[in-house]
């Protein structure tokens, strides 16, 4: 259901965390390639033909987890990124 796209940001004295949901018609492999290239250190991934997860740190030092899942409506992308103060 593409109606569940959106996001939110939580701010605490310790830092911030953002969670976003996106949809694309791109194949999960293309999504993995794009997001995986954005993570610069501590990268790990688990994947199969229908999706999976890639995690690591961005160039700004944020901890990032991306969940990718092929569904009937397209490929769902869940991004969670957090930065400590």
C-alpha atoms as a PDB file:
ATOM      1  CA  UNK A   1       0.000   0.000   0.000  1.00  0.00           C
ATOM      2  CA  UNK A   2       1.738   3.158  -1.200  1.00  0.00           C
ATOM      3  CA  UNK A   3      -0.351   5.207   1.261  1.00  0.00           C
ATOM      4  CA  UNK A   4       2.094   4.312   4.040  1.00  0.00           C
ATOM      5  CA  UNK A   5       4.911   6.493   2.617  1.00  0.00           C
ATOM      6  CA  UNK A   6       6.082   9.184   5.025  1.00  0.00           C
ATOM      7  CA  UNK A   7       8.402   9.752   7.918  1.00  0.00           C
ATOM      8  CA  UNK A   8       9.123  11.229  11.310  1.00  0.00           C
ATOM      9  CA  UNK A   9      11.997  12.684  13.322  1.00  0.00           C
ATOM     10  CA  UNK A  10      12.539  12.153  17.050  1.00  0.00           C
ATOM     11  CA  UNK A  11      14.791  14.613  18.893  1.00  0.00           C
ATOM     12  CA  UNK A  12      16.110  13.947  22.398  1.00  0.00           C
ATOM     13  CA  UNK A  13      18.941  15.459  24.432  1.00  0.00           C
ATOM     14  CA  UNK A  14      21.108  12.521  23.239  1.00  0.00           C
ATOM     15  CA  UNK A  15      20.550  13.109  19.509  1.00  0.00           C
ATOM     16  CA  UNK A  16      18.112  12.667  16.637  1.00  0.00           C
ATOM     17  CA  UNK A  17      16.620   9.734  14.795  1.00  0.00           C
ATOM     18  CA  UNK A  18      14.657   9.899  11.566  1.00  0.00           C
ATOM     19  CA  UNK A  19      12.564   7.158   9.982  1.00  0.00           C
ATOM     20  CA  UNK A  20      11.237   7.406   6.428  1.00  0.00           C
ATOM     21  CA  UNK A  21       9.270   5.065   4.170  1.00  0.00           C
ATOM     22  CA  UNK A  22       9.596   5.382   0.389  1.00  0.00           C
ATOM     23  CA  UNK A  23       8.336   3.441  -2.626  1.00  0.00           C
ATOM     24  CA  UNK A  24       9.968   2.914  -6.002  1.00  0.00           C
ATOM     25  CA  UNK A  25       9.327   0.833  -9.080  1.00  0.00           C
ATOM     26  CA  UNK A  26      13.065   0.010  -9.171  1.00  0.00           C
ATOM     27  CA  UNK A  27      14.166  -3.562  -8.562  1.00  0.00           C
ATOM     28  CA  UNK A  28      15.509  -4.297  -5.037  1.00  0.00           C
ATOM     29  CA  UNK A  29      19.010  -4.924  -6.464  1.00  0.00           C
ATOM     30  CA  UNK A  30      19.139  -1.372  -7.861  1.00  0.00           C
ATOM     31  CA  UNK A  31      17.949   0.028  -4.510  1.00  0.00           C
ATOM     32  CA  UNK A  32      20.680  -1.948  -2.674  1.00  0.00           C
ATOM     33  CA  UNK A  33      23.289  -0.619  -5.092  1.00  0.00           C
ATOM     34  CA  UNK A  34      22.216   3.000  -4.550  1.00  0.00           C
ATOM     35  CA  UNK A  35      21.864   2.955  -0.765  1.00  0.00           C
ATOM     36  CA  UNK A  36      24.871   0.699  -0.227  1.00  0.00           C
ATOM     37  CA  UNK A  37      27.067   3.187  -2.060  1.00  0.00           C
ATOM     38  CA  UNK A  38      25.937   5.937   0.359  1.00  0.00           C
ATOM     39  CA  UNK A  39      27.261   4.093   3.417  1.00  0.00           C
ATOM     40  CA  UNK A  40      30.959   4.747   3.934  1.00  0.00           C
ATOM     41  CA  UNK A  41      31.967   2.638   6.960  1.00  0.00           C
ATOM     42  CA  UNK A  42      30.812  -0.292   9.127  1.00  0.00           C
ATOM     43  CA  UNK A  43      28.721  -1.570   6.202  1.00  0.00           C
ATOM     44  CA  UNK A  44      26.890  -4.883   6.427  1.00  0.00           C
ATOM     45  CA  UNK A  45      24.081  -6.361   4.393  1.00  0.00           C
ATOM     46  CA  UNK A  46      21.746  -9.303   4.129  1.00  0.00           C
ATOM     47  CA  UNK A  47      19.807  -9.711   0.913  1.00  0.00           C
ATOM     48  CA  UNK A  48      17.984 -11.978  -1.486  1.00  0.00           C
ATOM     49  CA  UNK A  49      16.008 -11.440  -4.709  1.00  0.00           C
ATOM     50  CA  UNK A  50      13.066  -9.872  -2.822  1.00  0.00           C
ATOM     51  CA  UNK A  51      14.946  -7.445  -0.574  1.00  0.00           C
ATOM     52  CA  UNK A  52      16.813  -7.435   2.694  1.00  0.00           C
ATOM     53  CA  UNK A  53      18.774  -4.964   4.814  1.00  0.00           C
ATOM     54  CA  UNK A  54      21.882  -2.813   4.495  1.00  0.00           C
ATOM     55  CA  UNK A  55      23.378  -0.918   7.444  1.00  0.00           C
ATOM     56  CA  UNK A  56      26.382   1.252   8.166  1.00  0.00           C
ATOM     57  CA  UNK A  57      27.506   4.834   8.671  1.00  0.00           C
ATOM     58  CA  UNK A  58      26.947   7.745   6.313  1.00  0.00           C
ATOM     59  CA  UNK A  59      29.657  10.253   5.426  1.00  0.00           C
ATOM     60  CA  UNK A  60      28.225  12.553   8.139  1.00  0.00           C
ATOM     61  CA  UNK A  61      28.681   9.810  10.768  1.00  0.00           C
ATOM     62  CA  UNK A  62      24.992   8.919  11.118  1.00  0.00           C
ATOM     63  CA  UNK A  63      24.108   5.298  11.862  1.00  0.00           C
ATOM     64  CA  UNK A  64      21.820   4.135   9.041  1.00  0.00           C
ATOM     65  CA  UNK A  65      19.667   1.032   8.509  1.00  0.00           C
ATOM     66  CA  UNK A  66      17.819   0.516   5.217  1.00  0.00           C
ATOM     67  CA  UNK A  67      15.175  -2.189   4.864  1.00  0.00           C
ATOM     68  CA  UNK A  68      14.244  -3.094   1.278  1.00  0.00           C
ATOM     69  CA  UNK A  69      11.279  -5.287   0.350  1.00  0.00           C
ATOM     70  CA  UNK A  70       9.775  -6.175  -3.036  1.00  0.00           C
ATOM     71  CA  UNK A  71       5.981  -6.041  -2.859  1.00  0.00           C
ATOM     72  CA  UNK A  72       3.158  -6.159  -5.385  1.00  0.00           C
ATOM     73  CA  UNK A  73       2.948  -2.326  -5.544  1.00  0.00           C
ATOM     74  CA  UNK A  74       6.733  -1.910  -6.027  1.00  0.00           C
ATOM     75  CA  UNK A  75       9.804  -1.879  -3.803  1.00  0.00           C
ATOM     76  CA  UNK A  76       9.316  -0.514  -0.303  1.00  0.00           C
ATOM     77  CA  UNK A  77      12.291   1.259   1.283  1.00  0.00           C
ATOM     78  CA  UNK A  78      12.458   1.914   5.024  1.00  0.00           C
ATOM     79  CA  UNK A  79      15.302   4.190   6.112  1.00  0.00           C
ATOM     80  CA  UNK A  80      16.222   4.806   9.764  1.00  0.00           C
ATOM     81  CA  UNK A  81      19.112   7.177  10.505  1.00  0.00           C
ATOM     82  CA  UNK A  82      20.358   8.397  13.860  1.00  0.00           C
ATOM     83  CA  UNK A  83      22.971  10.849  15.032  1.00  0.00           C
ATOM     84  CA  UNK A  84      24.215  11.221  18.616  1.00  0.00           C
ATOM     85  CA  UNK A  85      25.023  14.695  19.911  1.00  0.00           C
END
